[in-house]
Amino acid sequence: MPPAASVLILRSAITIRTIPTIVRRFADASFTIYILHFPVIIAAKLVLMHIAWNPYFEFSITIVAASAITYAAHFLAVEIFPLMSFLLNGRYPDSTKQTEAVLV
């Protein structure tokens, strides 16, 4: 069975030539969203704790807020600041890439 699975994976990889922009942007932000979503959910819960709303409405607000805040944090902080990119995504600052390009 493993050869069949390998063939299926390779065939899928070959047929996918381009990735839609929206998918690529969410894929780029996925690790930042994964790391930051829990603190944002806790903060939202602390803010909404003293408000007597329907729990489903509070849950919806929390999900939308956590998604928007973490996605925005990726593009407003991680994509701009090399240190944030290193801390949250493990990417080295661009200066090392430029140095490697000069050496090659």
N, C-alpha and C. Protein backbone atom coordinates (compact mmCIF):
# COMPACT_ATOMS: atom_id res chain seq x y z
N MET A 1 0.80 -1.21 0.00
CA MET A 1 0.00 0.00 0.00
C MET A 1 0.84 1.28 0.00
N PRO A 2 1.99 1.32 0.67
CA PRO A 2 2.80 2.55 0.63
C PRO A 2 3.19 3.01 -0.77
N PRO A 3 3.52 2.13 -1.72
CA PRO A 3 3.82 2.64 -3.06
C PRO A 3 2.63 3.35 -3.69
N ALA A 4 1.43 2.84 -3.46
CA ALA A 4 0.24 3.49 -4.03
C ALA A 4 0.05 4.87 -3.41
N ALA A 5 0.26 4.98 -2.11
CA ALA A 5 0.12 6.28 -1.45
C ALA A 5 1.19 7.24 -1.95
N SER A 6 2.40 6.76 -2.15
CA SER A 6 3.48 7.61 -2.67
C SER A 6 3.15 8.13 -4.06
N VAL A 7 2.62 7.25 -4.89
CA VAL A 7 2.25 7.66 -6.26
C VAL A 7 1.14 8.70 -6.20
N LEU A 8 0.17 8.51 -5.35
CA LEU A 8 -0.93 9.46 -5.22
C LEU A 8 -0.42 10.83 -4.76
N ILE A 9 0.47 10.84 -3.78
CA ILE A 9 1.03 12.10 -3.28
C ILE A 9 1.85 12.80 -4.36
N LEU A 10 2.70 12.06 -5.04
CA LEU A 10 3.51 12.65 -6.10
C LEU A 10 2.65 13.16 -7.25
N ARG A 11 1.62 12.41 -7.61
CA ARG A 11 0.72 12.86 -8.69
C ARG A 11 0.03 14.17 -8.31
N SER A 12 -0.41 14.26 -7.04
CA SER A 12 -1.05 15.49 -6.57
C SER A 12 -0.07 16.65 -6.56
N ALA A 13 1.16 16.40 -6.15
CA ALA A 13 2.17 17.45 -6.12
C ALA A 13 2.48 17.96 -7.52
N ILE A 14 2.49 17.06 -8.49
CA ILE A 14 2.78 17.46 -9.86
C ILE A 14 1.63 18.26 -10.47
N THR A 15 0.39 17.89 -10.16
CA THR A 15 -0.75 18.59 -10.75
C THR A 15 -0.97 19.97 -10.15
N ILE A 16 -0.51 20.20 -8.93
CA ILE A 16 -0.66 21.52 -8.32
C ILE A 16 0.53 22.37 -8.74
N ARG A 17 0.31 23.27 -9.66
CA ARG A 17 1.38 24.14 -10.16
C ARG A 17 1.41 25.48 -9.44
N THR A 18 0.25 26.01 -9.17
CA THR A 18 0.19 27.31 -8.48
C THR A 18 -0.77 27.20 -7.31
N ILE A 19 -0.47 27.97 -6.31
CA ILE A 19 -1.32 28.02 -5.12
C ILE A 19 -2.07 29.35 -5.15
N PRO A 20 -3.38 29.35 -4.95
CA PRO A 20 -4.11 30.61 -4.93
C PRO A 20 -3.55 31.55 -3.85
N THR A 21 -3.59 32.83 -4.12
CA THR A 21 -3.00 33.82 -3.23
C THR A 21 -3.57 33.75 -1.83
N ILE A 22 -4.87 33.63 -1.70
CA ILE A 22 -5.49 33.60 -0.38
C ILE A 22 -5.02 32.39 0.42
N VAL A 23 -4.87 31.26 -0.25
CA VAL A 23 -4.40 30.05 0.42
C VAL A 23 -2.95 30.23 0.87
N ARG A 24 -2.13 30.84 0.01
CA ARG A 24 -0.74 31.07 0.35
C ARG A 24 -0.60 32.01 1.53
N ARG A 25 -1.43 33.07 1.56
CA ARG A 25 -1.35 34.03 2.66
C ARG A 25 -1.75 33.38 3.99
N PHE A 26 -2.79 32.57 3.99
CA PHE A 26 -3.18 31.88 5.22
C PHE A 26 -2.16 30.82 5.62
N ALA A 27 -1.56 30.17 4.64
CA ALA A 27 -0.53 29.19 4.95
C ALA A 27 0.70 29.87 5.56
N ASP A 28 1.06 31.04 5.04
CA ASP A 28 2.18 31.78 5.61
C ASP A 28 1.90 32.22 7.04
N ALA A 29 0.64 32.55 7.33
CA ALA A 29 0.28 33.05 8.65
C ALA A 29 -0.13 31.94 9.62
N SER A 30 -0.21 30.72 9.17
CA SER A 30 -0.79 29.66 10.00
C SER A 30 -0.02 29.40 11.29
N PHE A 31 1.30 29.43 11.25
CA PHE A 31 2.05 29.16 12.47
C PHE A 31 1.90 30.29 13.47
N THR A 32 1.89 31.54 13.00
CA THR A 32 1.67 32.67 13.89
C THR A 32 0.29 32.59 14.52
N ILE A 33 -0.71 32.25 13.72
CA ILE A 33 -2.07 32.10 14.24
C ILE A 33 -2.11 31.00 15.29
N TYR A 34 -1.43 29.90 15.02
CA TYR A 34 -1.41 28.78 15.96
C TYR A 34 -0.79 29.19 17.30
N ILE A 35 0.30 29.93 17.25
CA ILE A 35 0.99 30.32 18.48
C ILE A 35 0.21 31.37 19.27
N LEU A 36 -0.38 32.33 18.58
CA LEU A 36 -0.99 33.48 19.26
C LEU A 36 -2.47 33.31 19.59
N HIS A 37 -3.14 32.31 19.04
CA HIS A 37 -4.59 32.26 19.23
C HIS A 37 -4.99 32.01 20.69
N PHE A 38 -4.24 31.21 21.40
CA PHE A 38 -4.63 30.89 22.77
C PHE A 38 -4.57 32.11 23.70
N PRO A 39 -3.50 32.91 23.70
CA PRO A 39 -3.50 34.12 24.54
C PRO A 39 -4.62 35.11 24.16
N VAL A 40 -4.94 35.19 22.88
CA VAL A 40 -6.01 36.09 22.45
C VAL A 40 -7.36 35.58 22.94
N ILE A 41 -7.56 34.27 22.91
CA ILE A 41 -8.82 33.70 23.40
C ILE A 41 -8.95 33.94 24.91
N ILE A 42 -7.86 33.79 25.64
CA ILE A 42 -7.91 34.05 27.09
C ILE A 42 -8.23 35.51 27.35
N ALA A 43 -7.61 36.42 26.61
CA ALA A 43 -7.89 37.85 26.78
C ALA A 43 -9.36 38.16 26.47
N ALA A 44 -9.88 37.57 25.41
CA ALA A 44 -11.29 37.80 25.07
C ALA A 44 -12.20 37.25 26.16
N LYS A 45 -11.86 36.10 26.70
CA LYS A 45 -12.68 35.52 27.78
C LYS A 45 -12.65 36.43 29.00
N LEU A 46 -11.49 37.01 29.33
CA LEU A 46 -11.41 37.92 30.47
C LEU A 46 -12.23 39.18 30.23
N VAL A 47 -12.23 39.67 29.00
CA VAL A 47 -13.02 40.87 28.68
C VAL A 47 -14.51 40.57 28.74
N LEU A 48 -14.92 39.40 28.24
CA LEU A 48 -16.34 39.06 28.16
C LEU A 48 -16.89 38.38 29.42
N MET A 49 -16.04 38.18 30.42
CA MET A 49 -16.45 37.44 31.61
C MET A 49 -17.58 38.14 32.37
N HIS A 50 -17.56 39.44 32.41
CA HIS A 50 -18.54 40.18 33.20
C HIS A 50 -19.75 40.64 32.39
N ILE A 51 -19.83 40.19 31.15
CA ILE A 51 -20.96 40.55 30.30
C ILE A 51 -21.88 39.33 30.19
N ALA A 52 -23.15 39.54 30.43
CA ALA A 52 -24.11 38.42 30.43
C ALA A 52 -24.75 38.29 29.05
N TRP A 53 -23.98 37.79 28.10
CA TRP A 53 -24.49 37.54 26.77
C TRP A 53 -24.70 36.05 26.59
N ASN A 54 -25.34 35.71 25.51
CA ASN A 54 -25.51 34.32 25.14
C ASN A 54 -24.12 33.69 24.93
N PRO A 55 -23.85 32.53 25.51
CA PRO A 55 -22.53 31.91 25.37
C PRO A 55 -22.12 31.64 23.92
N TYR A 56 -23.08 31.32 23.06
CA TYR A 56 -22.77 31.10 21.66
C TYR A 56 -22.34 32.39 20.98
N PHE A 57 -22.96 33.50 21.36
CA PHE A 57 -22.57 34.80 20.81
C PHE A 57 -21.17 35.17 21.29
N GLU A 58 -20.87 34.94 22.56
CA GLU A 58 -19.53 35.21 23.08
C GLU A 58 -18.50 34.34 22.37
N PHE A 59 -18.83 33.08 22.15
CA PHE A 59 -17.93 32.18 21.45
C PHE A 59 -17.66 32.69 20.03
N SER A 60 -18.71 33.13 19.34
CA SER A 60 -18.56 33.65 17.98
C SER A 60 -17.68 34.89 17.96
N ILE A 61 -17.90 35.78 18.91
CA ILE A 61 -17.08 36.99 18.99
C ILE A 61 -15.62 36.61 19.25
N THR A 62 -15.40 35.67 20.13
CA THR A 62 -14.04 35.24 20.45
C THR A 62 -13.34 34.65 19.24
N ILE A 63 -14.04 33.81 18.50
CA ILE A 63 -13.44 33.18 17.31
C ILE A 63 -13.09 34.23 16.26
N VAL A 64 -14.01 35.13 16.00
CA VAL A 64 -13.76 36.18 15.00
C VAL A 64 -12.62 37.09 15.45
N ALA A 65 -12.64 37.49 16.71
CA ALA A 65 -11.59 38.38 17.22
C ALA A 65 -10.23 37.69 17.20
N ALA A 66 -10.16 36.46 17.65
CA ALA A 66 -8.88 35.74 17.67
C ALA A 66 -8.35 35.55 16.25
N SER A 67 -9.22 35.22 15.33
CA SER A 67 -8.79 35.04 13.94
C SER A 67 -8.26 36.34 13.35
N ALA A 68 -9.01 37.40 13.52
CA ALA A 68 -8.62 38.69 12.94
C ALA A 68 -7.35 39.24 13.59
N ILE A 69 -7.26 39.17 14.90
CA ILE A 69 -6.10 39.73 15.60
C ILE A 69 -4.83 38.95 15.26
N THR A 70 -4.90 37.64 15.27
CA THR A 70 -3.69 36.87 14.99
C THR A 70 -3.28 36.97 13.52
N TYR A 71 -4.23 37.03 12.61
CA TYR A 71 -3.90 37.21 11.19
C TYR A 71 -3.28 38.59 10.98
N ALA A 72 -3.85 39.60 11.61
CA ALA A 72 -3.28 40.96 11.50
C ALA A 72 -1.90 41.03 12.14
N ALA A 73 -1.71 40.36 13.26
CA ALA A 73 -0.40 40.36 13.93
C ALA A 73 0.66 39.78 13.01
N HIS A 74 0.30 38.78 12.25
CA HIS A 74 1.28 38.19 11.34
C HIS A 74 1.73 39.20 10.29
N PHE A 75 0.80 39.88 9.66
CA PHE A 75 1.16 40.78 8.58
C PHE A 75 1.61 42.15 9.05
N LEU A 76 1.27 42.54 10.28
CA LEU A 76 1.71 43.83 10.79
C LEU A 76 2.97 43.75 11.63
N ALA A 77 3.33 42.57 12.10
CA ALA A 77 4.51 42.44 12.94
C ALA A 77 5.50 41.42 12.39
N VAL A 78 5.03 40.22 12.15
CA VAL A 78 5.94 39.13 11.75
C VAL A 78 6.54 39.37 10.37
N GLU A 79 5.75 39.83 9.44
CA GLU A 79 6.25 40.07 8.10
C GLU A 79 7.16 41.29 8.02
N ILE A 80 7.05 42.22 8.97
CA ILE A 80 7.81 43.47 8.91
C ILE A 80 9.10 43.38 9.73
N PHE A 81 9.01 42.85 10.94
CA PHE A 81 10.14 42.85 11.86
C PHE A 81 10.85 41.49 11.86
N PRO A 82 12.13 41.47 11.49
CA PRO A 82 12.86 40.21 11.43
C PRO A 82 12.91 39.47 12.77
N LEU A 83 13.01 40.21 13.88
CA LEU A 83 13.06 39.55 15.18
C LEU A 83 11.75 38.81 15.47
N MET A 84 10.62 39.43 15.16
CA MET A 84 9.32 38.78 15.35
C MET A 84 9.20 37.56 14.43
N SER A 85 9.71 37.70 13.22
CA SER A 85 9.68 36.57 12.29
C SER A 85 10.49 35.41 12.83
N PHE A 86 11.62 35.71 13.45
CA PHE A 86 12.44 34.66 14.03
C PHE A 86 11.77 34.03 15.25
N LEU A 87 11.20 34.87 16.12
CA LEU A 87 10.60 34.35 17.34
C LEU A 87 9.31 33.56 17.10
N LEU A 88 8.48 34.04 16.20
CA LEU A 88 7.18 33.40 16.00
C LEU A 88 7.15 32.37 14.87
N ASN A 89 8.05 32.48 13.90
CA ASN A 89 8.02 31.54 12.78
C ASN A 89 9.33 30.81 12.57
N GLY A 90 10.36 31.17 13.31
CA GLY A 90 11.63 30.49 13.17
C GLY A 90 12.40 30.85 11.92
N ARG A 91 12.00 31.92 11.26
CA ARG A 91 12.72 32.36 10.06
C ARG A 91 13.85 33.30 10.47
N TYR A 92 14.99 33.10 9.89
CA TYR A 92 16.11 33.99 10.17
C TYR A 92 15.89 35.32 9.48
N PRO A 93 16.46 36.39 10.02
CA PRO A 93 16.32 37.70 9.37
C PRO A 93 16.84 37.66 7.94
N ASP A 94 16.33 38.55 7.11
CA ASP A 94 16.69 38.59 5.69
C ASP A 94 18.16 38.91 5.47
N SER A 95 18.81 39.55 6.44
CA SER A 95 20.21 39.92 6.26
C SER A 95 21.09 38.68 6.04
N THR A 96 20.75 37.56 6.67
CA THR A 96 21.54 36.34 6.46
C THR A 96 21.33 35.81 5.05
N LYS A 97 20.15 35.96 4.51
CA LYS A 97 19.89 35.51 3.14
C LYS A 97 20.68 36.36 2.15
N GLN A 98 20.77 37.68 2.41
CA GLN A 98 21.53 38.55 1.54
C GLN A 98 23.01 38.22 1.60
N THR A 99 23.50 37.89 2.79
CA THR A 99 24.90 37.53 2.94
C THR A 99 25.19 36.24 2.18
N GLU A 100 24.31 35.27 2.26
CA GLU A 100 24.50 34.02 1.53
C GLU A 100 24.51 34.26 0.04
N ALA A 101 23.66 35.16 -0.44
CA ALA A 101 23.59 35.44 -1.86
C ALA A 101 24.90 36.08 -2.33
N VAL A 102 25.49 36.92 -1.52
CA VAL A 102 26.74 37.57 -1.88
C VAL A 102 27.87 36.55 -1.92
N LEU A 103 27.87 35.61 -0.99
CA LEU A 103 28.93 34.61 -0.91
C LEU A 103 28.87 33.60 -2.06
N VAL A 104 27.69 33.39 -2.60
CA VAL A 104 27.53 32.38 -3.65
C VAL A 104 27.88 32.92 -4.97
